[in-house]
Amino acid sequence: MKTVQISLNSIDKVKSFVNTINLMDCDFDLISGRYVIDAKSIMGIFSLDLSKPIDLAIHAETDVDKILEALKPYLV
């Protein structure tokens, strides 16, 4: 598992982020304070405070570099 910080500070960014990670086979969690939600859930994402960076936990054993490359527009 790898954890990175991402920024989803607009509705368009949230939509494109969810579309990007839904193409991947591994699981993703967003962690904001004491809340942990499924990063593939657009409704869950909108329940978080998006004004500041959020931790993204990537549950992948392989291809982490490819995943990080795809997520580059959202990384802090």
Protein backbone atom coordinates (compact mmCIF):
# COMPACT_ATOMS: atom_id res chain seq x y z
CA MET A 1 0.00 0.00 0.00
CA LYS A 2 1.18 3.52 -0.81
CA THR A 3 -0.27 6.78 0.48
CA VAL A 4 -0.04 10.10 -1.38
CA GLN A 5 -1.69 13.49 -1.00
CA ILE A 6 -4.07 14.70 -3.68
CA SER A 7 -6.06 17.86 -4.30
CA LEU A 8 -9.63 17.71 -5.63
CA ASN A 9 -10.59 21.37 -5.40
CA SER A 10 -13.14 21.52 -8.24
CA ILE A 11 -16.11 19.49 -9.46
CA ASP A 12 -14.39 18.80 -12.79
CA LYS A 13 -11.31 17.48 -10.98
CA VAL A 14 -13.45 15.14 -8.88
CA LYS A 15 -15.23 13.79 -11.96
CA SER A 16 -12.03 13.17 -13.93
CA PHE A 17 -10.34 11.64 -10.84
CA VAL A 18 -13.19 9.15 -10.34
CA ASN A 19 -13.20 8.29 -14.05
CA THR A 20 -9.44 7.71 -13.96
CA ILE A 21 -9.37 5.41 -10.93
CA ASN A 22 -12.44 3.45 -12.00
CA LEU A 23 -10.34 2.19 -14.93
CA MET A 24 -7.91 0.55 -12.47
CA ASP A 25 -8.35 -2.85 -10.82
CA CYS A 26 -7.01 -2.05 -7.35
CA ASP A 27 -8.77 -0.40 -4.43
CA PHE A 28 -8.36 3.22 -3.34
CA ASP A 29 -9.36 4.91 -0.08
CA LEU A 30 -9.54 8.63 0.65
CA ILE A 31 -8.62 9.57 4.22
CA SER A 32 -9.65 12.94 5.64
CA GLY A 33 -9.30 13.22 9.41
CA ARG A 34 -11.14 10.28 10.90
CA TYR A 35 -13.15 9.58 7.74
CA VAL A 36 -12.16 6.86 5.29
CA ILE A 37 -14.20 6.52 2.11
CA ASP A 38 -13.99 4.53 -1.11
CA ALA A 39 -12.23 6.79 -3.61
CA LYS A 40 -14.28 5.30 -6.47
CA SER A 41 -17.47 6.74 -4.93
CA ILE A 42 -18.21 10.20 -6.28
CA MET A 43 -20.89 10.75 -3.61
CA GLY A 44 -18.42 9.79 -0.90
CA ILE A 45 -15.86 12.25 -2.20
CA PHE A 46 -18.35 15.10 -2.09
CA SER A 47 -18.99 14.33 1.59
CA LEU A 48 -15.38 15.35 2.38
CA ASP A 49 -13.85 18.79 2.89
CA LEU A 50 -12.27 19.34 -0.53
CA SER A 51 -10.73 22.71 0.31
CA LYS A 52 -7.52 21.07 1.54
CA PRO A 53 -5.40 18.11 0.36
CA ILE A 54 -6.65 14.59 1.11
CA ASP A 55 -4.64 11.41 1.67
CA LEU A 56 -5.14 8.72 -0.99
CA ALA A 57 -4.30 5.16 0.02
CA ILE A 58 -3.48 2.99 -3.00
CA HIS A 59 -3.98 -0.72 -2.29
CA ALA A 60 -1.83 -2.18 -5.06
CA GLU A 61 1.02 -4.67 -5.00
CA THR A 62 2.24 -4.00 -8.54
CA ASP A 63 2.11 -1.21 -11.13
CA VAL A 64 2.25 1.52 -8.47
CA ASP A 65 4.43 3.64 -10.77
CA LYS A 66 1.83 3.43 -13.57
CA ILE A 67 -0.93 4.37 -11.13
CA LEU A 68 1.04 7.37 -9.84
CA GLU A 69 1.70 8.49 -13.42
CA ALA A 70 -2.04 8.39 -14.17
CA LEU A 71 -2.78 10.33 -10.97
CA LYS A 72 -0.13 13.02 -11.59
CA PRO A 73 -2.67 15.84 -12.28
CA TYR A 74 -4.14 15.38 -8.79
CA LEU A 75 -0.97 14.93 -6.71
CA VAL A 76 0.04 17.73 -4.34
